[in-house]
Amino acid sequence: MDENPFDTFGLDPTLDAASLTAALRERVEDAATPEEEARLREGWRLLTADPRRRLRLALRATGVPPKRSAPAEQAPTTTPPTLMDVLPVGDLRDALELPKAPRQRPLQTDPILTGEGPNA
């Protein structure tokens, strides 16, 4: 077989050996003539016998792989609420007597960025 089996049989070049075997097995079962069956078996042998050859053939394939259907959407998993979800943060901070977070200074007044820092 001189042509690329991926192109000849319209196979997705991203398939692994097991998937290629399954796809070509179906086609062999549906083959109309012994010649077609022999051609499919030869293509299968070329694609599955040597992983390096399969990679070379996949890289040289000119066909575009068929689009795979997106996996079915799964229901979002819910996680149990944490303590921080249940208690308001302000009440917890007050109960633990934690200091309030210092206010962030804007970048325009940052001494390092304005050149007024310790290394200026």
C-alpha atoms as a PDB file:
ATOM      1  CA  MET A   1       0.000   0.000   0.000  1.00  0.00           C
ATOM      2  CA  ASP A   2       1.662   3.184  -1.208  1.00  0.00           C
ATOM      3  CA  GLU A   3      -0.914   5.715  -0.002  1.00  0.00           C
ATOM      4  CA  ASN A   4      -1.410   6.842   3.583  1.00  0.00           C
ATOM      5  CA  PRO A   5      -3.994   4.583   5.293  1.00  0.00           C
ATOM      6  CA  PHE A   6      -5.287   7.524   7.343  1.00  0.00           C
ATOM      7  CA  ASP A   7      -6.182   9.343   4.130  1.00  0.00           C
ATOM      8  CA  THR A   8      -7.252   6.251   2.212  1.00  0.00           C
ATOM      9  CA  PHE A   9      -9.749   5.117   4.823  1.00  0.00           C
ATOM     10  CA  GLY A  10     -10.657   8.554   6.225  1.00  0.00           C
ATOM     11  CA  LEU A  11      -9.327   7.754   9.688  1.00  0.00           C
ATOM     12  CA  ASP A  12      -8.623  10.246  12.436  1.00  0.00           C
ATOM     13  CA  PRO A  13      -4.804  10.496  12.801  1.00  0.00           C
ATOM     14  CA  THR A  14      -5.146  11.123  16.541  1.00  0.00           C
ATOM     15  CA  LEU A  15      -6.591   7.660  17.224  1.00  0.00           C
ATOM     16  CA  ASP A  16      -4.557   5.112  19.159  1.00  0.00           C
ATOM     17  CA  ALA A  17      -3.909   1.546  18.005  1.00  0.00           C
ATOM     18  CA  ALA A  18      -6.927   0.091  19.843  1.00  0.00           C
ATOM     19  CA  SER A  19      -9.303   2.667  18.344  1.00  0.00           C
ATOM     20  CA  LEU A  20      -7.853   2.141  14.870  1.00  0.00           C
ATOM     21  CA  THR A  21      -8.304  -1.614  15.285  1.00  0.00           C
ATOM     22  CA  ALA A  22     -11.949  -1.163  16.266  1.00  0.00           C
ATOM     23  CA  ALA A  23     -12.649   1.207  13.365  1.00  0.00           C
ATOM     24  CA  LEU A  24     -10.991  -1.024  10.784  1.00  0.00           C
ATOM     25  CA  ARG A  25     -12.563  -4.192  12.213  1.00  0.00           C
ATOM     26  CA  GLU A  26     -16.004  -2.730  11.527  1.00  0.00           C
ATOM     27  CA  ARG A  27     -14.990  -1.930   7.965  1.00  0.00           C
ATOM     28  CA  VAL A  28     -13.552  -5.422   7.398  1.00  0.00           C
ATOM     29  CA  GLU A  29     -16.843  -6.935   8.562  1.00  0.00           C
ATOM     30  CA  ASP A  30     -18.703  -4.724   6.072  1.00  0.00           C
ATOM     31  CA  ALA A  31     -16.238  -5.286   3.196  1.00  0.00           C
ATOM     32  CA  ALA A  32     -18.001  -6.165  -0.057  1.00  0.00           C
ATOM     33  CA  THR A  33     -15.108  -8.021  -1.709  1.00  0.00           C
ATOM     34  CA  PRO A  34     -12.129 -10.066  -0.567  1.00  0.00           C
ATOM     35  CA  GLU A  35      -9.839  -7.475  -2.208  1.00  0.00           C
ATOM     36  CA  GLU A  36     -11.353  -4.685  -0.116  1.00  0.00           C
ATOM     37  CA  GLU A  37     -10.979  -6.814   3.005  1.00  0.00           C
ATOM     38  CA  ALA A  38      -7.302  -7.527   2.189  1.00  0.00           C
ATOM     39  CA  ARG A  39      -6.681  -3.817   1.606  1.00  0.00           C
ATOM     40  CA  LEU A  40      -8.235  -2.941   4.981  1.00  0.00           C
ATOM     41  CA  ARG A  41      -6.159  -5.607   6.728  1.00  0.00           C
ATOM     42  CA  GLU A  42      -2.986  -4.263   5.098  1.00  0.00           C
ATOM     43  CA  GLY A  43      -3.882  -0.742   6.255  1.00  0.00           C
ATOM     44  CA  TRP A  44      -4.510  -2.071   9.767  1.00  0.00           C
ATOM     45  CA  ARG A  45      -1.125  -3.837   9.765  1.00  0.00           C
ATOM     46  CA  LEU A  46       0.638  -0.640   8.650  1.00  0.00           C
ATOM     47  CA  LEU A  47      -1.059   1.446  11.334  1.00  0.00           C
ATOM     48  CA  THR A  48      -0.795  -0.880  14.306  1.00  0.00           C
ATOM     49  CA  ALA A  49       2.375  -2.955  13.905  1.00  0.00           C
ATOM     50  CA  ASP A  50       4.894  -0.159  14.523  1.00  0.00           C
ATOM     51  CA  PRO A  51       4.069   2.927  16.673  1.00  0.00           C
ATOM     52  CA  ARG A  52       6.805   4.983  14.976  1.00  0.00           C
ATOM     53  CA  ARG A  53       5.380   4.239  11.534  1.00  0.00           C
ATOM     54  CA  ARG A  54       1.875   5.141  12.777  1.00  0.00           C
ATOM     55  CA  LEU A  55       3.218   8.470  14.062  1.00  0.00           C
ATOM     56  CA  ARG A  56       4.967   9.221  10.758  1.00  0.00           C
ATOM     57  CA  LEU A  57       1.816   8.378   8.817  1.00  0.00           C
ATOM     58  CA  ALA A  58      -0.323  10.452  11.182  1.00  0.00           C
ATOM     59  CA  LEU A  59       1.970  13.457  10.768  1.00  0.00           C
ATOM     60  CA  ARG A  60       1.841  13.092   6.978  1.00  0.00           C
ATOM     61  CA  ALA A  61      -1.934  12.620   6.817  1.00  0.00           C
ATOM     62  CA  THR A  62      -3.599  15.324   4.777  1.00  0.00           C
ATOM     63  CA  GLY A  63      -7.125  14.738   5.987  1.00  0.00           C
ATOM     64  CA  VAL A  64      -8.607  16.750   8.795  1.00  0.00           C
ATOM     65  CA  PRO A  65      -9.605  14.594  11.751  1.00  0.00           C
ATOM     66  CA  PRO A  66     -13.353  14.487  12.305  1.00  0.00           C
ATOM     67  CA  LYS A  67     -14.655  16.657  15.095  1.00  0.00           C
ATOM     68  CA  ARG A  68     -15.298  14.696  18.212  1.00  0.00           C
ATOM     69  CA  SER A  69     -18.524  15.276  19.982  1.00  0.00           C
ATOM     70  CA  ALA A  70     -18.234  17.163  23.228  1.00  0.00           C
ATOM     71  CA  PRO A  71     -18.683  15.067  26.341  1.00  0.00           C
ATOM     72  CA  ALA A  72     -22.102  15.221  27.892  1.00  0.00           C
ATOM     73  CA  GLU A  73     -22.403  18.012  30.391  1.00  0.00           C
ATOM     74  CA  GLN A  74     -22.078  16.774  33.902  1.00  0.00           C
ATOM     75  CA  ALA A  75     -24.069  18.179  36.732  1.00  0.00           C
ATOM     76  CA  PRO A  76     -21.888  20.456  38.842  1.00  0.00           C
ATOM     77  CA  THR A  77     -20.744  18.779  41.975  1.00  0.00           C
ATOM     78  CA  THR A  78     -21.712  20.564  45.130  1.00  0.00           C
ATOM     79  CA  THR A  79     -19.334  20.726  48.016  1.00  0.00           C
ATOM     80  CA  PRO A  80     -20.504  21.128  51.567  1.00  0.00           C
ATOM     81  CA  PRO A  81     -20.249  24.697  52.836  1.00  0.00           C
ATOM     82  CA  THR A  82     -17.187  25.620  54.831  1.00  0.00           C
ATOM     83  CA  LEU A  83     -17.156  27.601  58.047  1.00  0.00           C
ATOM     84  CA  MET A  84     -16.261  30.739  56.096  1.00  0.00           C
ATOM     85  CA  ASP A  85     -19.352  30.204  53.925  1.00  0.00           C
ATOM     86  CA  VAL A  86     -21.623  29.954  56.934  1.00  0.00           C
ATOM     87  CA  LEU A  87     -20.226  32.689  59.182  1.00  0.00           C
ATOM     88  CA  PRO A  88     -20.005  36.274  58.018  1.00  0.00           C
ATOM     89  CA  VAL A  89     -16.332  37.227  57.829  1.00  0.00           C
ATOM     90  CA  GLY A  90     -16.801  40.502  59.714  1.00  0.00           C
ATOM     91  CA  ASP A  91     -18.430  38.762  62.658  1.00  0.00           C
ATOM     92  CA  LEU A  92     -15.661  36.166  62.782  1.00  0.00           C
ATOM     93  CA  ARG A  93     -12.951  38.845  62.685  1.00  0.00           C
ATOM     94  CA  ASP A  94     -14.644  40.700  65.530  1.00  0.00           C
ATOM     95  CA  ALA A  95     -15.167  37.507  67.541  1.00  0.00           C
ATOM     96  CA  LEU A  96     -11.494  36.565  67.216  1.00  0.00           C
ATOM     97  CA  GLU A  97     -10.439  40.193  67.811  1.00  0.00           C
ATOM     98  CA  LEU A  98      -8.333  40.194  64.659  1.00  0.00           C
ATOM     99  CA  PRO A  99      -6.954  43.506  63.448  1.00  0.00           C
ATOM    100  CA  LYS A 100      -8.476  44.924  60.332  1.00  0.00           C
ATOM    101  CA  ALA A 101      -6.421  44.418  57.192  1.00  0.00           C
ATOM    102  CA  PRO A 102      -4.289  47.465  56.388  1.00  0.00           C
ATOM    103  CA  ARG A 103      -5.548  49.535  53.504  1.00  0.00           C
ATOM    104  CA  GLN A 104      -3.663  48.920  50.290  1.00  0.00           C
ATOM    105  CA  ARG A 105      -1.782  51.901  48.864  1.00  0.00           C
ATOM    106  CA  PRO A 106      -2.386  52.688  45.210  1.00  0.00           C
ATOM    107  CA  LEU A 107       0.495  51.940  42.845  1.00  0.00           C
ATOM    108  CA  GLN A 108       0.904  55.626  42.011  1.00  0.00           C
ATOM    109  CA  THR A 109       2.086  56.325  45.567  1.00  0.00           C
ATOM    110  CA  ASP A 110       4.246  53.211  45.982  1.00  0.00           C
ATOM    111  CA  PRO A 111       7.709  54.505  47.049  1.00  0.00           C
ATOM    112  CA  ILE A 112       9.580  51.827  45.089  1.00  0.00           C
ATOM    113  CA  LEU A 113       7.692  52.515  41.871  1.00  0.00           C
ATOM    114  CA  THR A 114       7.979  56.282  42.236  1.00  0.00           C
ATOM    115  CA  GLY A 115      11.737  56.088  42.910  1.00  0.00           C
ATOM    116  CA  GLU A 116      11.502  57.255  46.520  1.00  0.00           C
ATOM    117  CA  GLY A 117      12.242  53.832  48.029  1.00  0.00           C
ATOM    118  CA  PRO A 118      15.244  52.762  50.121  1.00  0.00           C
ATOM    119  CA  ASN A 119      17.479  52.290  47.065  1.00  0.00           C
ATOM    120  CA  ALA A 120      16.670  55.667  45.483  1.00  0.00           C
END
